Amino acid sequence: MRPARREDVAAIVALLADDHLGAGREDTSEAALPAYLAAFERVAADGRNLLAVAEQDGAVVGCLQLTFIPGLSNQGQDLALLEGVRVASHLRGGGVGEQMVRWAMDEARRRGCGAMELMTHVTRQAAQRFYDRLGFAPSHVGMKRAL
């Protein structure tokens, strides 16, 4: 695991697009790359965000984003939000995702977070079982609205 670099963006977008939900919302064309690069620059410039990749034999095979949220509740405890966890399809089920999430939990602890939250789409049953196995529990009802 390492922080993502600008040259990783196309590989990250390909990972994000490689499932039934991402295929409908991500655009892996060369024409869309400038928008993703601009987004990467915004994330990279924000010290409360970390876009990270898993690398194997020099290739990007996984990605995730951590957002560190300061808060007043729980006696001022910071919270880590885990987003965009993806593993290359040919490596799913081989332990890469577990290594990535454990790395993310360690990084969140290192930065002083007392808890980690994530959301996964209701249709991602395998992902829900995966996170349950890693000790995450369904505790809230998530809601979303387009703006």
C-alpha atoms as a PDB file:
ATOM      1  CA  MET A   1       0.000   0.000   0.000  1.00  0.00           C
ATOM      2  CA  ARG A   2       1.136   3.510  -0.779  1.00  0.00           C
ATOM      3  CA  PRO A   3      -0.350   6.942  -1.410  1.00  0.00           C
ATOM      4  CA  ALA A   4      -1.718   7.237  -4.922  1.00  0.00           C
ATOM      5  CA  ARG A   5       0.154   9.298  -7.479  1.00  0.00           C
ATOM      6  CA  ARG A   6      -1.140  11.267 -10.437  1.00  0.00           C
ATOM      7  CA  GLU A   7       0.064   8.565 -12.822  1.00  0.00           C
ATOM      8  CA  ASP A   8      -2.158   6.028 -10.992  1.00  0.00           C
ATOM      9  CA  VAL A   9      -5.407   7.833 -11.784  1.00  0.00           C
ATOM     10  CA  ALA A  10      -6.314   5.909 -14.962  1.00  0.00           C
ATOM     11  CA  ALA A  11      -5.732   2.587 -13.179  1.00  0.00           C
ATOM     12  CA  ILE A  12      -7.831   3.731 -10.206  1.00  0.00           C
ATOM     13  CA  VAL A  13     -10.689   4.762 -12.496  1.00  0.00           C
ATOM     14  CA  ALA A  14     -10.508   1.372 -14.214  1.00  0.00           C
ATOM     15  CA  LEU A  15     -10.835  -0.331 -10.806  1.00  0.00           C
ATOM     16  CA  LEU A  16     -13.782   1.894  -9.864  1.00  0.00           C
ATOM     17  CA  ALA A  17     -15.502   1.050 -13.166  1.00  0.00           C
ATOM     18  CA  ASP A  18     -15.016  -2.707 -12.828  1.00  0.00           C
ATOM     19  CA  ASP A  19     -18.294  -3.680 -11.170  1.00  0.00           C
ATOM     20  CA  HIS A  20     -22.021  -3.471 -11.863  1.00  0.00           C
ATOM     21  CA  LEU A  21     -22.407  -0.064 -10.199  1.00  0.00           C
ATOM     22  CA  GLY A  22     -19.168   1.550 -11.316  1.00  0.00           C
ATOM     23  CA  ALA A  23     -19.705   0.524 -14.920  1.00  0.00           C
ATOM     24  CA  GLY A  24     -22.690   2.857 -15.067  1.00  0.00           C
ATOM     25  CA  ARG A  25     -21.114   5.873 -13.403  1.00  0.00           C
ATOM     26  CA  GLU A  26     -17.421   5.874 -14.263  1.00  0.00           C
ATOM     27  CA  ASP A  27     -15.928   6.803 -17.633  1.00  0.00           C
ATOM     28  CA  THR A  28     -12.612   5.188 -18.546  1.00  0.00           C
ATOM     29  CA  SER A  29     -12.265   7.096 -21.828  1.00  0.00           C
ATOM     30  CA  GLU A  30      -9.313   9.373 -22.486  1.00  0.00           C
ATOM     31  CA  ALA A  31     -11.748  12.300 -22.797  1.00  0.00           C
ATOM     32  CA  ALA A  32     -12.863  11.893 -19.161  1.00  0.00           C
ATOM     33  CA  LEU A  33      -9.343  11.716 -17.723  1.00  0.00           C
ATOM     34  CA  PRO A  34      -8.919  15.500 -17.138  1.00  0.00           C
ATOM     35  CA  ALA A  35     -11.938  15.541 -14.788  1.00  0.00           C
ATOM     36  CA  TYR A  36     -10.504  12.625 -12.802  1.00  0.00           C
ATOM     37  CA  LEU A  37      -7.074  14.260 -12.662  1.00  0.00           C
ATOM     38  CA  ALA A  38      -8.626  17.479 -11.338  1.00  0.00           C
ATOM     39  CA  ALA A  39     -10.471  15.458  -8.693  1.00  0.00           C
ATOM     40  CA  PHE A  40      -7.240  13.678  -7.780  1.00  0.00           C
ATOM     41  CA  GLU A  41      -5.502  17.040  -7.290  1.00  0.00           C
ATOM     42  CA  ARG A  42      -8.287  18.191  -4.938  1.00  0.00           C
ATOM     43  CA  VAL A  43      -8.049  14.990  -2.895  1.00  0.00           C
ATOM     44  CA  ALA A  44      -4.239  15.052  -2.812  1.00  0.00           C
ATOM     45  CA  ALA A  45      -4.204  18.684  -1.654  1.00  0.00           C
ATOM     46  CA  ASP A  46      -6.526  17.961   1.276  1.00  0.00           C
ATOM     47  CA  GLY A  47      -4.600  16.687   4.292  1.00  0.00           C
ATOM     48  CA  ARG A  48      -7.738  15.061   5.695  1.00  0.00           C
ATOM     49  CA  ASN A  49      -8.003  12.755   2.680  1.00  0.00           C
ATOM     50  CA  LEU A  50      -5.794   9.899   1.595  1.00  0.00           C
ATOM     51  CA  LEU A  51      -6.177   8.096  -1.693  1.00  0.00           C
ATOM     52  CA  ALA A  52      -4.095   4.928  -1.546  1.00  0.00           C
ATOM     53  CA  VAL A  53      -3.323   2.072  -3.896  1.00  0.00           C
ATOM     54  CA  ALA A  54      -2.263  -1.517  -3.493  1.00  0.00           C
ATOM     55  CA  GLU A  55       0.585  -2.414  -5.781  1.00  0.00           C
ATOM     56  CA  GLN A  56       1.667  -5.871  -6.881  1.00  0.00           C
ATOM     57  CA  ASP A  57       4.619  -6.451  -9.192  1.00  0.00           C
ATOM     58  CA  GLY A  58       4.578  -2.763 -10.129  1.00  0.00           C
ATOM     59  CA  ALA A  59       0.878  -2.721 -11.096  1.00  0.00           C
ATOM     60  CA  VAL A  60      -1.969  -0.991  -9.259  1.00  0.00           C
ATOM     61  CA  VAL A  61      -4.293  -3.811  -8.138  1.00  0.00           C
ATOM     62  CA  GLY A  62      -6.422  -2.048  -5.538  1.00  0.00           C
ATOM     63  CA  CYS A  63      -7.477   1.352  -4.278  1.00  0.00           C
ATOM     64  CA  LEU A  64      -9.252   3.012  -1.406  1.00  0.00           C
ATOM     65  CA  GLN A  65      -9.883   6.464  -0.030  1.00  0.00           C
ATOM     66  CA  LEU A  66      -9.757   7.453   3.622  1.00  0.00           C
ATOM     67  CA  THR A  67     -11.273  10.674   4.899  1.00  0.00           C
ATOM     68  CA  PHE A  68     -10.417  11.777   8.422  1.00  0.00           C
ATOM     69  CA  ILE A  69     -13.305  13.646  10.026  1.00  0.00           C
ATOM     70  CA  PRO A  70     -12.814  15.712  13.180  1.00  0.00           C
ATOM     71  CA  GLY A  71     -15.779  15.633  15.502  1.00  0.00           C
ATOM     72  CA  LEU A  72     -17.194  16.768  18.802  1.00  0.00           C
ATOM     73  CA  SER A  73     -19.177  13.644  19.676  1.00  0.00           C
ATOM     74  CA  ASN A  74     -17.562  10.782  21.533  1.00  0.00           C
ATOM     75  CA  GLN A  75     -15.456  13.285  23.467  1.00  0.00           C
ATOM     76  CA  GLY A  76     -13.924  14.802  20.347  1.00  0.00           C
ATOM     77  CA  GLN A  77     -13.034  11.514  18.719  1.00  0.00           C
ATOM     78  CA  ASP A  78     -11.936  11.674  15.090  1.00  0.00           C
ATOM     79  CA  LEU A  79     -13.604   9.322  12.646  1.00  0.00           C
ATOM     80  CA  ALA A  80     -12.191   7.650   9.555  1.00  0.00           C
ATOM     81  CA  LEU A  81     -14.486   7.177   6.575  1.00  0.00           C
ATOM     82  CA  LEU A  82     -13.477   4.374   4.205  1.00  0.00           C
ATOM     83  CA  GLU A  83     -14.619   4.781   0.603  1.00  0.00           C
ATOM     84  CA  GLY A  84     -13.995   3.437  -2.886  1.00  0.00           C
ATOM     85  CA  VAL A  85     -12.420   0.122  -1.884  1.00  0.00           C
ATOM     86  CA  ARG A  86     -11.744  -1.859  -5.026  1.00  0.00           C
ATOM     87  CA  VAL A  87      -9.565  -4.855  -5.894  1.00  0.00           C
ATOM     88  CA  ALA A  88      -8.706  -5.982  -9.413  1.00  0.00           C
ATOM     89  CA  SER A  89     -11.264  -8.617 -10.426  1.00  0.00           C
ATOM     90  CA  HIS A  90      -8.653 -11.321 -11.049  1.00  0.00           C
ATOM     91  CA  LEU A  91      -7.404 -10.980  -7.452  1.00  0.00           C
ATOM     92  CA  ARG A  92     -10.732 -10.831  -5.598  1.00  0.00           C
ATOM     93  CA  GLY A  93     -11.054 -13.450  -2.903  1.00  0.00           C
ATOM     94  CA  GLY A  94      -7.284 -13.808  -2.543  1.00  0.00           C
ATOM     95  CA  GLY A  95      -6.722 -11.663   0.545  1.00  0.00           C
ATOM     96  CA  VAL A  96      -5.709  -8.394  -1.134  1.00  0.00           C
ATOM     97  CA  GLY A  97      -8.850  -6.594   0.049  1.00  0.00           C
ATOM     98  CA  GLU A  98      -8.351  -7.762   3.613  1.00  0.00           C
ATOM     99  CA  GLN A  99      -4.749  -6.526   3.596  1.00  0.00           C
ATOM    100  CA  MET A 100      -5.929  -3.177   2.227  1.00  0.00           C
ATOM    101  CA  VAL A 101      -8.641  -2.687   4.844  1.00  0.00           C
ATOM    102  CA  ARG A 102      -6.342  -3.740   7.688  1.00  0.00           C
ATOM    103  CA  TRP A 103      -3.769  -1.229   6.385  1.00  0.00           C
ATOM    104  CA  ALA A 104      -6.502   1.451   6.334  1.00  0.00           C
ATOM    105  CA  MET A 105      -7.490   0.656   9.924  1.00  0.00           C
ATOM    106  CA  ASP A 106      -3.864   0.907  11.023  1.00  0.00           C
ATOM    107  CA  GLU A 107      -3.482   4.238   9.213  1.00  0.00           C
ATOM    108  CA  ALA A 108      -6.656   5.569  10.843  1.00  0.00           C
ATOM    109  CA  ARG A 109      -5.417   4.526  14.291  1.00  0.00           C
ATOM    110  CA  ARG A 110      -2.042   6.110  13.557  1.00  0.00           C
ATOM    111  CA  ARG A 111      -3.840   9.379  12.793  1.00  0.00           C
ATOM    112  CA  GLY A 112      -5.774   9.226  16.060  1.00  0.00           C
ATOM    113  CA  CYS A 113      -9.155   8.009  14.834  1.00  0.00           C
ATOM    114  CA  GLY A 114     -11.256   6.072  17.305  1.00  0.00           C
ATOM    115  CA  ALA A 115     -13.644   4.519  14.788  1.00  0.00           C
ATOM    116  CA  MET A 116     -13.998   3.755  11.099  1.00  0.00           C
ATOM    117  CA  GLU A 117     -17.202   3.905   9.096  1.00  0.00           C
ATOM    118  CA  LEU A 118     -18.005   2.788   5.602  1.00  0.00           C
ATOM    119  CA  MET A 119     -21.012   2.377   3.403  1.00  0.00           C
ATOM    120  CA  THR A 120     -21.509  -0.296   0.823  1.00  0.00           C
ATOM    121  CA  HIS A 121     -24.364  -0.460  -1.634  1.00  0.00           C
ATOM    122  CA  VAL A 122     -27.263  -2.707  -0.629  1.00  0.00           C
ATOM    123  CA  THR A 123     -26.699  -4.823  -3.765  1.00  0.00           C
ATOM    124  CA  ARG A 124     -23.105  -5.616  -2.822  1.00  0.00           C
ATOM    125  CA  GLN A 125     -23.887  -8.692  -0.746  1.00  0.00           C
ATOM    126  CA  ALA A 126     -20.375 -10.166  -1.036  1.00  0.00           C
ATOM    127  CA  ALA A 127     -18.858  -6.880   0.143  1.00  0.00           C
ATOM    128  CA  GLN A 128     -21.194  -6.847   3.133  1.00  0.00           C
ATOM    129  CA  ARG A 129     -20.089 -10.360   4.104  1.00  0.00           C
ATOM    130  CA  PHE A 130     -16.447  -9.308   3.619  1.00  0.00           C
ATOM    131  CA  TYR A 131     -16.759  -6.285   5.921  1.00  0.00           C
ATOM    132  CA  ASP A 132     -18.716  -8.304   8.486  1.00  0.00           C
ATOM    133  CA  ARG A 133     -15.867 -10.829   8.570  1.00  0.00           C
ATOM    134  CA  LEU A 134     -13.451  -7.960   9.316  1.00  0.00           C
ATOM    135  CA  GLY A 135     -15.497  -6.840  12.321  1.00  0.00           C
ATOM    136  CA  PHE A 136     -17.659  -4.104  10.778  1.00  0.00           C
ATOM    137  CA  ALA A 137     -21.278  -4.169  11.901  1.00  0.00           C
ATOM    138  CA  PRO A 138     -24.389  -2.613  10.396  1.00  0.00           C
ATOM    139  CA  SER A 139     -25.134   0.154  12.875  1.00  0.00           C
ATOM    140  CA  HIS A 140     -26.714   3.014  10.935  1.00  0.00           C
ATOM    141  CA  VAL A 141     -29.130   3.547   8.091  1.00  0.00           C
ATOM    142  CA  GLY A 142     -27.412   5.408   5.275  1.00  0.00           C
ATOM    143  CA  MET A 143     -29.296   7.770   3.047  1.00  0.00           C
ATOM    144  CA  LYS A 144     -28.244   9.570  -0.097  1.00  0.00           C
ATOM    145  CA  ARG A 145     -29.629  12.254  -2.342  1.00  0.00           C
ATOM    146  CA  ALA A 146     -28.345  13.677  -5.594  1.00  0.00           C
ATOM    147  CA  LEU A 147     -27.786  17.451  -5.506  1.00  0.00           C
END
